[in-house]
Amino acid sequence: MPKQGEIDLPDALGDEGRAHAYGKPFSDAGCGRYLRDVGCILDLLPPPPARLLDLGVGPGWTSLLYARRGYTVVGQDIAPGMIERARRKCAEERISGVEFVVQDYESMDFREAFDAAVFYDCLHHAEDEVAALLAVFRALKPGGVCLTVEPGAGHEESAEARAFAARFGVTERSMPPERIIAAARQAGFTRYEIFPRTLRLDPLATGAPADPIPPPPSRLYIIKRYLDHIWRCAFKGRRYRDARNIGAIPTGTFTESHYVRLTR
């Protein structure tokens, strides 16, 4: 039962895994990417003060950052062990404006209580993404937004995802924007926007210390690099930042991860 695997995950991680999870994002080699993601999420959220539902929070580090920014946060996770650690960390850091609840995000009973919700790297663990997005739709106030940051096509076939699912008995699924948007339409959302997610930084110029400093890149060069990046990240050169009514679901396959903003 994958949900039982999620519930049991804190115990299954072992001492080293639990210490690593508790220290995130700074304990992780991907710390820079995590912090870039949170910065982009903050740019896409309505400004504080606002009520924010943070989903699948694990040990709660994202919720604590959002609370420091000024949001009133409810952090949710299905694993009691994760929520216990999130509450402990919140008390240690003396952060106010955040509470943590043990719930299944596919069956939450919140009603029009939040201005925004965030699935950060957790919707791909859902057994039923439509049920999860429907629960969030009901939890949002009219006009509220839901942000998702999830792995793209091919994730569930990756060696890392297969190994994690086999070891811990959890669900690992690909969750590209087209799947999220199709589920969001069934849940009742009215609009979607797709934004680029940069997982790596590519240099604009390189050289030895003795080399002359190159002039700033031309506007044409920057545009070309941006268009090249779009082509790599979005199949057949679709518009990279796409904002449409929910009735128009994108076709093709998004091969890399993106930010998706859904409006109730």
Protein backbone atom coordinates (compact mmCIF):
# COMPACT_ATOMS: atom_id res chain seq x y z
CA MET A 1 0.00 0.00 0.00
CA PRO A 2 1.83 3.14 -1.18
CA LYS A 3 0.09 5.44 1.33
CA GLN A 4 1.25 3.24 4.18
CA GLY A 5 4.75 3.57 2.77
CA GLU A 6 4.42 7.36 3.00
CA ILE A 7 3.14 7.11 6.58
CA ASP A 8 6.00 4.82 7.59
CA LEU A 9 8.68 6.77 5.71
CA PRO A 10 10.19 8.59 8.75
CA ASP A 11 10.95 5.26 10.42
CA ALA A 12 12.15 3.64 7.18
CA LEU A 13 14.66 6.42 6.50
CA GLY A 14 16.88 5.40 9.42
CA ASP A 15 18.88 7.74 11.65
CA GLU A 16 21.03 9.18 8.87
CA GLY A 17 18.06 9.73 6.55
CA ARG A 18 16.01 11.38 9.28
CA ALA A 19 18.88 13.71 10.19
CA HIS A 20 19.28 14.64 6.52
CA ALA A 21 15.55 15.34 6.15
CA TYR A 22 15.48 17.39 9.36
CA GLY A 23 18.37 19.57 8.15
CA LYS A 24 16.90 20.37 4.73
CA PRO A 25 17.47 22.39 2.66
CA PHE A 26 20.97 23.06 4.02
CA SER A 27 21.83 19.40 4.58
CA ASP A 28 21.23 18.55 0.93
CA ALA A 29 23.62 18.83 -2.00
CA GLY A 30 20.73 20.38 -3.95
CA CYS A 31 20.36 23.24 -1.47
CA GLY A 32 20.89 25.93 -4.11
CA ARG A 33 18.16 24.46 -6.31
CA TYR A 34 15.78 24.18 -3.36
CA LEU A 35 16.31 27.83 -2.43
CA ARG A 36 15.94 28.94 -6.06
CA ASP A 37 12.65 27.06 -6.20
CA VAL A 38 11.36 28.74 -3.05
CA GLY A 39 12.34 32.14 -4.45
CA CYS A 40 10.40 31.46 -7.66
CA ILE A 41 7.42 30.14 -5.69
CA LEU A 42 7.36 33.34 -3.64
CA ASP A 43 7.38 35.36 -6.87
CA LEU A 44 4.36 33.40 -8.14
CA LEU A 45 2.31 33.48 -4.93
CA PRO A 46 -0.05 36.31 -3.94
CA PRO A 47 1.86 38.61 -1.58
CA PRO A 48 1.66 38.25 2.19
CA PRO A 49 -0.27 38.51 4.35
CA ALA A 50 -2.19 35.60 2.85
CA ARG A 51 -3.25 32.17 4.07
CA LEU A 52 -1.14 29.45 2.51
CA LEU A 53 -1.68 25.69 2.44
CA ASP A 54 1.68 23.93 2.10
CA LEU A 55 1.19 20.31 0.98
CA GLY A 56 3.32 17.23 1.59
CA VAL A 57 5.71 19.26 3.73
CA GLY A 58 7.78 16.42 5.22
CA PRO A 59 9.87 17.98 8.02
CA GLY A 60 8.35 21.39 7.26
CA TRP A 61 11.26 23.51 6.09
CA THR A 62 9.27 25.14 3.27
CA SER A 63 6.44 26.07 5.64
CA LEU A 64 8.90 27.77 7.98
CA LEU A 65 10.36 29.84 5.14
CA TYR A 66 6.90 30.91 3.99
CA ALA A 67 6.00 31.89 7.56
CA ARG A 68 9.18 33.97 7.83
CA ARG A 69 8.08 35.79 4.68
CA GLY A 70 4.82 36.76 6.39
CA TYR A 71 2.32 34.11 5.29
CA THR A 72 -0.06 32.37 7.67
CA VAL A 73 0.78 28.77 6.88
CA VAL A 74 -0.84 25.40 7.40
CA GLY A 75 1.61 22.62 6.59
CA GLN A 76 0.12 19.21 5.74
CA ASP A 77 1.67 15.77 5.58
CA ILE A 78 0.29 12.23 5.72
CA ALA A 79 3.13 10.99 7.97
CA PRO A 80 2.72 11.71 11.71
CA GLY A 81 6.46 11.28 12.17
CA MET A 82 7.17 14.06 9.67
CA ILE A 83 4.67 16.41 11.28
CA GLU A 84 6.15 15.73 14.72
CA ARG A 85 9.56 16.78 13.40
CA ALA A 86 8.11 19.84 11.66
CA ARG A 87 6.48 20.99 14.90
CA ARG A 88 9.71 20.42 16.82
CA LYS A 89 11.72 22.43 14.30
CA CYS A 90 9.15 25.23 14.36
CA ALA A 91 9.44 25.41 18.16
CA GLU A 92 13.25 25.35 18.04
CA GLU A 93 13.32 28.23 15.57
CA ARG A 94 10.55 30.10 17.41
CA ILE A 95 8.60 30.82 14.25
CA SER A 96 5.01 31.99 14.56
CA GLY A 97 2.21 31.98 12.01
CA VAL A 98 2.48 28.31 11.08
CA GLU A 99 0.69 25.15 12.18
CA PHE A 100 1.05 21.56 11.03
CA VAL A 101 -1.64 18.94 10.46
CA VAL A 102 -1.61 15.22 9.75
CA GLN A 103 -3.94 14.64 6.79
CA ASP A 104 -4.12 12.89 3.43
CA TYR A 105 -4.08 15.62 0.80
CA GLU A 106 -6.43 13.56 -1.36
CA SER A 107 -9.21 13.78 1.25
CA MET A 108 -8.76 17.08 3.14
CA ASP A 109 -11.92 18.78 4.38
CA PHE A 110 -10.89 22.46 4.22
CA ARG A 111 -13.47 24.76 2.59
CA GLU A 112 -12.54 28.16 1.07
CA ALA A 113 -9.95 28.74 3.79
CA PHE A 114 -6.79 29.65 1.82
CA ASP A 115 -5.57 32.23 -0.66
CA ALA A 116 -2.94 29.89 -2.10
CA ALA A 117 -1.65 26.32 -1.98
CA VAL A 118 1.68 24.77 -2.96
CA PHE A 119 2.56 21.23 -4.09
CA TYR A 120 6.34 21.26 -3.99
CA ASP A 121 7.75 17.96 -5.23
CA CYS A 122 4.93 15.94 -3.66
CA LEU A 123 1.96 15.68 -6.07
CA HIS A 124 3.84 12.97 -7.97
CA HIS A 125 3.40 10.76 -4.87
CA ALA A 126 -0.41 10.94 -5.20
CA GLU A 127 -2.40 7.83 -6.00
CA ASP A 128 -5.11 10.09 -7.51
CA GLU A 129 -4.00 13.55 -8.59
CA VAL A 130 -7.58 14.54 -9.47
CA ALA A 131 -8.70 13.86 -5.89
CA ALA A 132 -5.72 15.83 -4.56
CA LEU A 133 -6.41 18.83 -6.78
CA LEU A 134 -10.14 18.67 -6.03
CA ALA A 135 -9.40 18.80 -2.29
CA VAL A 136 -7.17 21.83 -2.88
CA PHE A 137 -9.77 23.48 -5.13
CA ARG A 138 -12.29 23.22 -2.29
CA ALA A 139 -9.74 24.54 0.19
CA LEU A 140 -9.05 27.68 -1.86
CA LYS A 141 -11.05 30.87 -1.75
CA PRO A 142 -12.54 32.02 -5.09
CA GLY A 143 -9.67 33.41 -7.17
CA GLY A 144 -7.10 31.50 -5.11
CA VAL A 145 -4.08 29.91 -6.77
CA CYS A 146 -2.38 26.52 -6.56
CA LEU A 147 1.29 26.17 -7.52
CA THR A 148 2.84 22.85 -8.48
CA VAL A 149 6.54 22.07 -8.86
CA GLU A 150 6.78 18.47 -10.02
CA PRO A 151 9.02 16.17 -12.09
CA GLY A 152 8.25 15.98 -15.81
CA ALA A 153 7.71 13.12 -18.21
CA GLY A 154 9.81 10.01 -17.69
CA HIS A 155 10.35 10.47 -13.95
CA GLU A 156 8.67 7.22 -12.93
CA GLU A 157 10.92 5.26 -15.30
CA SER A 158 14.12 6.77 -13.91
CA ALA A 159 16.46 4.53 -11.93
CA GLU A 160 16.31 6.86 -8.93
CA ALA A 161 12.51 6.86 -8.77
CA ARG A 162 12.29 3.09 -9.24
CA ALA A 163 14.82 2.50 -6.47
CA PHE A 164 13.05 4.88 -4.07
CA ALA A 165 9.65 3.30 -4.73
CA ALA A 166 11.02 -0.21 -4.29
CA ARG A 167 12.91 0.61 -1.10
CA PHE A 168 10.18 2.56 0.70
CA GLY A 169 6.97 1.29 -0.89
CA VAL A 170 5.79 4.73 -2.02
CA THR A 171 4.20 6.04 -5.21
CA GLU A 172 6.53 7.59 -7.79
CA ARG A 173 4.84 8.96 -10.91
CA SER A 174 5.67 11.33 -13.74
CA MET A 175 3.73 14.56 -13.28
CA PRO A 176 4.28 16.81 -16.33
CA PRO A 177 2.20 19.97 -16.78
CA GLU A 178 -0.25 18.37 -19.21
CA ARG A 179 -1.21 15.72 -16.63
CA ILE A 180 -1.57 18.34 -13.88
CA ILE A 181 -3.68 20.60 -16.09
CA ALA A 182 -5.96 17.76 -17.21
CA ALA A 183 -6.57 16.84 -13.56
CA ALA A 184 -7.05 20.49 -12.62
CA ARG A 185 -9.77 20.87 -15.24
CA GLN A 186 -11.63 17.92 -13.73
CA ALA A 187 -11.24 19.50 -10.28
CA GLY A 188 -12.77 22.80 -11.45
CA PHE A 189 -9.82 25.17 -11.90
CA THR A 190 -10.42 27.84 -14.54
CA ARG A 191 -6.96 28.89 -15.72
CA TYR A 192 -3.39 27.65 -15.91
CA GLU A 193 0.03 29.22 -16.43
CA ILE A 194 3.28 27.36 -17.13
CA PHE A 195 6.63 28.88 -16.13
CA PRO A 196 10.19 27.69 -16.76
CA ARG A 197 12.10 25.97 -13.97
CA THR A 198 15.88 26.22 -14.12
CA LEU A 199 17.48 23.12 -12.64
CA ARG A 200 21.00 24.08 -13.64
CA LEU A 201 22.91 27.26 -14.39
CA ASP A 202 24.71 27.43 -17.74
CA PRO A 203 27.50 30.03 -18.15
CA LEU A 204 27.10 32.79 -20.70
CA ALA A 205 30.88 33.05 -21.09
CA THR A 206 33.99 31.19 -19.89
CA GLY A 207 37.72 31.91 -19.92
CA ALA A 208 41.05 31.75 -18.06
CA PRO A 209 41.90 34.43 -15.45
CA ALA A 210 44.45 36.00 -17.83
CA ASP A 211 41.96 36.30 -20.67
CA PRO A 212 40.39 39.69 -21.32
CA ILE A 213 36.94 40.06 -19.85
CA PRO A 214 34.44 39.59 -22.67
CA PRO A 215 31.96 42.32 -23.44
CA PRO A 216 28.41 41.83 -22.15
CA PRO A 217 26.41 39.49 -24.38
CA SER A 218 24.28 41.19 -26.98
CA ARG A 219 20.52 41.27 -26.68
CA LEU A 220 20.30 39.04 -29.75
CA TYR A 221 22.60 36.45 -28.11
CA ILE A 222 20.54 36.42 -24.92
CA ILE A 223 17.33 35.96 -26.91
CA LYS A 224 18.93 33.11 -28.87
CA ARG A 225 20.07 31.36 -25.67
CA TYR A 226 16.61 31.76 -24.17
CA LEU A 227 14.95 30.30 -27.28
CA ASP A 228 17.43 27.41 -27.30
CA HIS A 229 16.54 26.71 -23.66
CA ILE A 230 12.84 26.78 -24.50
CA TRP A 231 13.39 24.25 -27.27
CA ARG A 232 15.32 21.91 -24.97
CA CYS A 233 12.76 22.08 -22.18
CA ALA A 234 9.49 22.09 -24.09
CA PHE A 235 8.61 19.63 -26.84
CA LYS A 236 8.48 21.05 -30.38
CA GLY A 237 9.13 24.61 -29.25
CA ARG A 238 5.78 25.23 -27.53
CA ARG A 239 5.38 28.61 -25.84
CA TYR A 240 7.34 28.31 -22.63
CA ARG A 241 5.31 30.63 -20.47
CA ASP A 242 1.80 29.65 -21.45
CA ALA A 243 -1.29 31.22 -19.88
CA ARG A 244 -4.67 29.97 -20.98
CA ASN A 245 -8.13 29.08 -19.84
CA ILE A 246 -8.21 25.59 -18.42
CA GLY A 247 -10.23 24.27 -21.35
CA ALA A 248 -7.15 24.35 -23.62
CA ILE A 249 -4.93 21.53 -22.37
CA PRO A 250 -1.43 21.54 -23.91
CA THR A 251 -0.55 18.64 -26.17
CA GLY A 252 2.75 16.82 -26.58
CA THR A 253 5.16 16.07 -23.75
CA PHE A 254 6.98 18.39 -21.35
CA THR A 255 10.24 16.55 -20.80
CA GLU A 256 11.52 18.71 -17.93
CA SER A 257 10.06 20.09 -14.73
CA HIS A 258 8.07 23.35 -14.76
CA TYR A 259 6.16 25.58 -12.39
CA VAL A 260 2.41 25.42 -12.99
CA ARG A 261 0.05 28.00 -11.50
CA LEU A 262 -3.64 27.10 -11.40
CA THR A 263 -6.40 29.60 -10.62
CA ARG A 264 -9.65 28.65 -8.93
